[in-house]
C-alpha atoms as a PDB file:
ATOM      1  CA  MET A   1      18.077  24.775   3.331  1.00  0.00           C
ATOM      2  CA  LYS A   2      16.856  21.183   2.945  1.00  0.00           C
ATOM      3  CA  MET A   3      15.114  20.462  -0.363  1.00  0.00           C
ATOM      4  CA  LYS A   4      11.905  18.425  -0.462  1.00  0.00           C
ATOM      5  CA  PRO A   5      12.140  15.173  -2.450  1.00  0.00           C
ATOM      6  CA  ALA A   6      10.737  15.298  -5.977  1.00  0.00           C
ATOM      7  CA  PHE A   7       7.925  12.742  -5.595  1.00  0.00           C
ATOM      8  CA  THR A   8       5.248  12.013  -8.160  1.00  0.00           C
ATOM      9  CA  LEU A   9       2.201   9.947  -7.222  1.00  0.00           C
ATOM     10  CA  ILE A  10       0.657   7.878 -10.027  1.00  0.00           C
ATOM     11  CA  ARG A  11      -2.251   5.459 -10.347  1.00  0.00           C
ATOM     12  CA  VAL A  12      -1.151   2.005 -11.496  1.00  0.00           C
ATOM     13  CA  ASN A  13      -3.286   0.158 -14.027  1.00  0.00           C
ATOM     14  CA  SER A  14      -0.924  -2.669 -15.006  1.00  0.00           C
ATOM     15  CA  ILE A  15       2.173  -4.511 -13.856  1.00  0.00           C
ATOM     16  CA  ALA A  16       4.593  -2.526 -15.993  1.00  0.00           C
ATOM     17  CA  PRO A  17       8.317  -3.332 -16.156  1.00  0.00           C
ATOM     18  CA  GLU A  18       9.130  -0.560 -13.683  1.00  0.00           C
ATOM     19  CA  LEU A  19       6.859  -2.175 -11.078  1.00  0.00           C
ATOM     20  CA  GLU A  20       8.764  -5.438 -11.576  1.00  0.00           C
ATOM     21  CA  ALA A  21      11.814  -3.799  -9.955  1.00  0.00           C
ATOM     22  CA  LEU A  22       9.791  -3.190  -6.780  1.00  0.00           C
ATOM     23  CA  ILE A  23       8.458  -6.750  -6.842  1.00  0.00           C
ATOM     24  CA  GLU A  24      11.975  -8.160  -7.143  1.00  0.00           C
ATOM     25  CA  ALA A  25      13.366  -5.859  -4.427  1.00  0.00           C
ATOM     26  CA  ALA A  26      10.569  -6.858  -2.031  1.00  0.00           C
ATOM     27  CA  ASN A  27      11.127 -10.526  -2.754  1.00  0.00           C
ATOM     28  CA  ALA A  28      14.870 -10.166  -2.139  1.00  0.00           C
ATOM     29  CA  GLU A  29      14.080  -8.635   1.277  1.00  0.00           C
ATOM     30  CA  GLY A  30      11.823 -11.539   2.176  1.00  0.00           C
ATOM     31  CA  PHE A  31       8.478  -9.857   1.484  1.00  0.00           C
ATOM     32  CA  PRO A  32       6.600 -12.302  -0.779  1.00  0.00           C
ATOM     33  CA  PHE A  33       3.372 -10.270  -0.829  1.00  0.00           C
ATOM     34  CA  MET A  34       4.590  -8.383  -3.900  1.00  0.00           C
ATOM     35  CA  GLN A  35       4.880 -11.725  -5.748  1.00  0.00           C
ATOM     36  CA  THR A  36       1.263 -12.286  -4.717  1.00  0.00           C
ATOM     37  CA  LEU A  37       0.408  -8.906  -6.243  1.00  0.00           C
ATOM     38  CA  ARG A  38       1.917  -9.980  -9.571  1.00  0.00           C
ATOM     39  CA  ARG A  39       0.273 -13.418  -9.520  1.00  0.00           C
ATOM     40  CA  GLU A  40      -3.189 -12.064  -8.650  1.00  0.00           C
ATOM     41  CA  TRP A  41      -2.894  -9.287 -11.226  1.00  0.00           C
ATOM     42  CA  ASP A  42      -1.833 -11.763 -13.919  1.00  0.00           C
ATOM     43  CA  ASP A  43      -4.627 -14.243 -13.177  1.00  0.00           C
ATOM     44  CA  GLY A  44      -7.263 -11.504 -12.766  1.00  0.00           C
ATOM     45  CA  GLY A  45      -7.879 -12.323  -9.099  1.00  0.00           C
ATOM     46  CA  ASN A  46      -7.077  -8.789  -7.954  1.00  0.00           C
ATOM     47  CA  ARG A  47      -6.401  -5.806 -10.182  1.00  0.00           C
ATOM     48  CA  PHE A  48      -7.606  -3.141  -7.737  1.00  0.00           C
ATOM     49  CA  ASP A  49     -10.415  -2.304 -10.158  1.00  0.00           C
ATOM     50  CA  ARG A  50     -13.580  -2.803  -8.131  1.00  0.00           C
ATOM     51  CA  GLN A  51     -15.601   0.203  -6.931  1.00  0.00           C
ATOM     52  CA  GLY A  52     -13.464   2.211  -4.506  1.00  0.00           C
ATOM     53  CA  GLU A  53     -10.253   0.258  -5.122  1.00  0.00           C
ATOM     54  CA  ALA A  54      -6.979   1.665  -6.455  1.00  0.00           C
ATOM     55  CA  TYR A  55      -3.276   0.884  -6.679  1.00  0.00           C
ATOM     56  CA  PHE A  56      -0.767   3.725  -6.501  1.00  0.00           C
ATOM     57  CA  ALA A  57       2.960   4.165  -6.944  1.00  0.00           C
ATOM     58  CA  VAL A  58       5.449   6.870  -6.077  1.00  0.00           C
ATOM     59  CA  ARG A  59       8.248   7.987  -8.368  1.00  0.00           C
ATOM     60  CA  HIS A  60      11.318   9.878  -7.232  1.00  0.00           C
ATOM     61  CA  HIS A  61      13.067  11.695 -10.069  1.00  0.00           C
ATOM     62  CA  GLY A  62      11.282   9.364 -12.501  1.00  0.00           C
ATOM     63  CA  ARG A  63      12.174   6.085 -10.755  1.00  0.00           C
ATOM     64  CA  LEU A  64       9.484   3.970  -9.066  1.00  0.00           C
ATOM     65  CA  ILE A  65      10.346   3.654  -5.361  1.00  0.00           C
ATOM     66  CA  ALA A  66       7.077   2.718  -3.625  1.00  0.00           C
ATOM     67  CA  ALA A  67       3.684   1.197  -4.331  1.00  0.00           C
ATOM     68  CA  GLY A  68       0.554   0.143  -2.476  1.00  0.00           C
ATOM     69  CA  GLY A  69      -3.144  -0.160  -2.831  1.00  0.00           C
ATOM     70  CA  LEU A  70      -6.651  -0.317  -1.484  1.00  0.00           C
ATOM     71  CA  ASN A  71      -9.107  -3.204  -1.784  1.00  0.00           C
ATOM     72  CA  HIS A  72     -12.384  -4.170  -0.223  1.00  0.00           C
ATOM     73  CA  ASP A  73     -11.368  -6.137   2.871  1.00  0.00           C
ATOM     74  CA  PRO A  74     -12.174  -9.781   2.069  1.00  0.00           C
ATOM     75  CA  TYR A  75     -11.981 -10.735   5.759  1.00  0.00           C
ATOM     76  CA  ALA A  76     -14.289  -8.096   7.238  1.00  0.00           C
ATOM     77  CA  GLY A  77     -17.631  -9.263   5.890  1.00  0.00           C
ATOM     78  CA  ARG A  78     -18.749  -5.642   5.421  1.00  0.00           C
ATOM     79  CA  ILE A  79     -18.768  -3.575   2.235  1.00  0.00           C
ATOM     80  CA  ASP A  80     -17.719  -0.405   4.050  1.00  0.00           C
ATOM     81  CA  VAL A  81     -14.343  -1.817   5.161  1.00  0.00           C
ATOM     82  CA  GLY A  82     -11.286  -1.291   2.994  1.00  0.00           C
ATOM     83  CA  ARG A  83      -7.920  -2.989   3.240  1.00  0.00           C
ATOM     84  CA  VAL A  84      -4.504  -1.454   2.623  1.00  0.00           C
ATOM     85  CA  ARG A  85      -2.594  -4.064   0.612  1.00  0.00           C
ATOM     86  CA  HIS A  86       0.706  -4.800  -1.054  1.00  0.00           C
ATOM     87  CA  VAL A  87       2.521  -1.733   0.260  1.00  0.00           C
ATOM     88  CA  TYR A  88       6.253  -1.698  -0.363  1.00  0.00           C
ATOM     89  CA  VAL A  89       8.845   1.083  -0.203  1.00  0.00           C
ATOM     90  CA  MET A  90      12.329   0.358  -1.506  1.00  0.00           C
ATOM     91  CA  GLU A  91      14.781   0.180   1.380  1.00  0.00           C
ATOM     92  CA  PRO A  92      16.935   3.188   0.379  1.00  0.00           C
ATOM     93  CA  ALA A  93      13.783   5.338   0.119  1.00  0.00           C
ATOM     94  CA  ARG A  94      12.381   4.541   3.562  1.00  0.00           C
ATOM     95  CA  ARG A  95      12.001   7.397   6.048  1.00  0.00           C
ATOM     96  CA  GLY A  96      12.117   9.905   3.204  1.00  0.00           C
ATOM     97  CA  GLY A  97       8.411  10.676   2.862  1.00  0.00           C
ATOM     98  CA  ALA A  98       7.403   8.389  -0.025  1.00  0.00           C
ATOM     99  CA  GLY A  99       5.531   5.965   2.233  1.00  0.00           C
ATOM    100  CA  LYS A 100       3.696   8.779   3.977  1.00  0.00           C
ATOM    101  CA  LEU A 101       2.661  10.225   0.601  1.00  0.00           C
ATOM    102  CA  LEU A 102       1.520   6.799  -0.583  1.00  0.00           C
ATOM    103  CA  ILE A 103      -0.561   5.992   2.507  1.00  0.00           C
ATOM    104  CA  GLY A 104      -1.983   9.517   2.467  1.00  0.00           C
ATOM    105  CA  ALA A 105      -3.223   8.930  -1.083  1.00  0.00           C
ATOM    106  CA  ILE A 106      -4.709   5.561  -0.151  1.00  0.00           C
ATOM    107  CA  VAL A 107      -6.514   6.993   2.881  1.00  0.00           C
ATOM    108  CA  SER A 108      -7.778   9.970   0.885  1.00  0.00           C
ATOM    109  CA  HIS A 109      -9.089   7.700  -1.867  1.00  0.00           C
ATOM    110  CA  ALA A 110     -10.699   5.392   0.716  1.00  0.00           C
ATOM    111  CA  ARG A 111     -12.750   8.169   2.314  1.00  0.00           C
ATOM    112  CA  ASP A 112     -15.175   8.202  -0.640  1.00  0.00           C
ATOM    113  CA  ASN A 113     -16.076   4.506  -0.344  1.00  0.00           C
ATOM    114  CA  PHE A 114     -15.171   3.117   3.064  1.00  0.00           C
ATOM    115  CA  SER A 115     -15.730   4.006   6.712  1.00  0.00           C
ATOM    116  CA  VAL A 116     -12.865   1.871   8.050  1.00  0.00           C
ATOM    117  CA  LEU A 117      -9.457   0.779   6.784  1.00  0.00           C
ATOM    118  CA  ARG A 118      -7.629  -2.305   7.999  1.00  0.00           C
ATOM    119  CA  LEU A 119      -4.247  -3.833   7.259  1.00  0.00           C
ATOM    120  CA  ARG A 120      -1.783  -6.449   8.399  1.00  0.00           C
ATOM    121  CA  THR A 121       1.909  -5.832   8.882  1.00  0.00           C
ATOM    122  CA  ARG A 122       4.420  -8.416  10.021  1.00  0.00           C
ATOM    123  CA  THR A 123       7.219  -6.089  11.131  1.00  0.00           C
ATOM    124  CA  ALA A 124       7.736  -3.783  14.093  1.00  0.00           C
ATOM    125  CA  GLU A 125       8.935  -1.086  11.688  1.00  0.00           C
ATOM    126  CA  GLY A 126       5.729  -1.384   9.675  1.00  0.00           C
ATOM    127  CA  ALA A 127       3.619  -1.214  12.829  1.00  0.00           C
ATOM    128  CA  ALA A 128       5.424   1.939  13.995  1.00  0.00           C
ATOM    129  CA  PHE A 129       5.009   3.504  10.547  1.00  0.00           C
ATOM    130  CA  TYR A 130       1.251   2.919  10.399  1.00  0.00           C
ATOM    131  CA  GLU A 131       0.750   3.993  14.000  1.00  0.00           C
ATOM    132  CA  ALA A 132       2.571   7.260  13.283  1.00  0.00           C
ATOM    133  CA  LEU A 133       0.017   7.832  10.509  1.00  0.00           C
ATOM    134  CA  GLY A 134      -2.959   7.353  12.821  1.00  0.00           C
ATOM    135  CA  PHE A 135      -3.695   3.636  12.572  1.00  0.00           C
ATOM    136  CA  SER A 136      -4.400   1.818  15.847  1.00  0.00           C
ATOM    137  CA  ARG A 137      -3.481  -1.725  16.761  1.00  0.00           C
ATOM    138  CA  CYS A 138      -6.368  -4.174  16.716  1.00  0.00           C
ATOM    139  CA  GLY A 139      -6.673  -7.686  18.027  1.00  0.00           C
ATOM    140  CA  ASP A 140      -8.282  -9.282  14.982  1.00  0.00           C
ATOM    141  CA  GLU A 141      -6.563 -12.357  13.587  1.00  0.00           C
ATOM    142  CA  THR A 142      -6.914 -10.992  10.030  1.00  0.00           C
ATOM    143  CA  ALA A 143      -5.621  -7.463  10.720  1.00  0.00           C
ATOM    144  CA  THR A 144      -3.016  -5.835  12.929  1.00  0.00           C
ATOM    145  CA  HIS A 145      -4.144  -2.220  12.455  1.00  0.00           C
ATOM    146  CA  ILE A 146      -7.309  -0.225  11.867  1.00  0.00           C
ATOM    147  CA  LEU A 147      -8.219   3.362  10.988  1.00  0.00           C
ATOM    148  CA  SER A 148     -11.696   4.882  11.212  1.00  0.00           C
ATOM    149  CA  LEU A 149     -12.351   7.316   8.388  1.00  0.00           C
END
């Protein structure tokens, strides 16, 4: 019998040392958006603390393995559009359910404040992942995928 992974979903309120490991892993893989997360959090530009926003992380047996959040979409020009941002799952944890749990939490949280979610991914793997979770491709220059809530 296959055991389910021991995941714990948490809400992130600061860039704690354990989140630094994810930032460094993402950077090493060539994903600089997690450096942007740190910079914007440090300078107060984006702390995922406006109405409806949140940043989440997933732990596996106590170790942080994934993180991602929800902002108002700054490109949409509408207050009812949210944006999935700064999502990263450590490479060894991919395809194990942590990303699905994380995006599920983001979508669930978004339903109370937004009618649409948008995001941008730069990889085919990311596109396939989001599409498997119900997002559709869109032709906007500021987003690759959209989900009506």
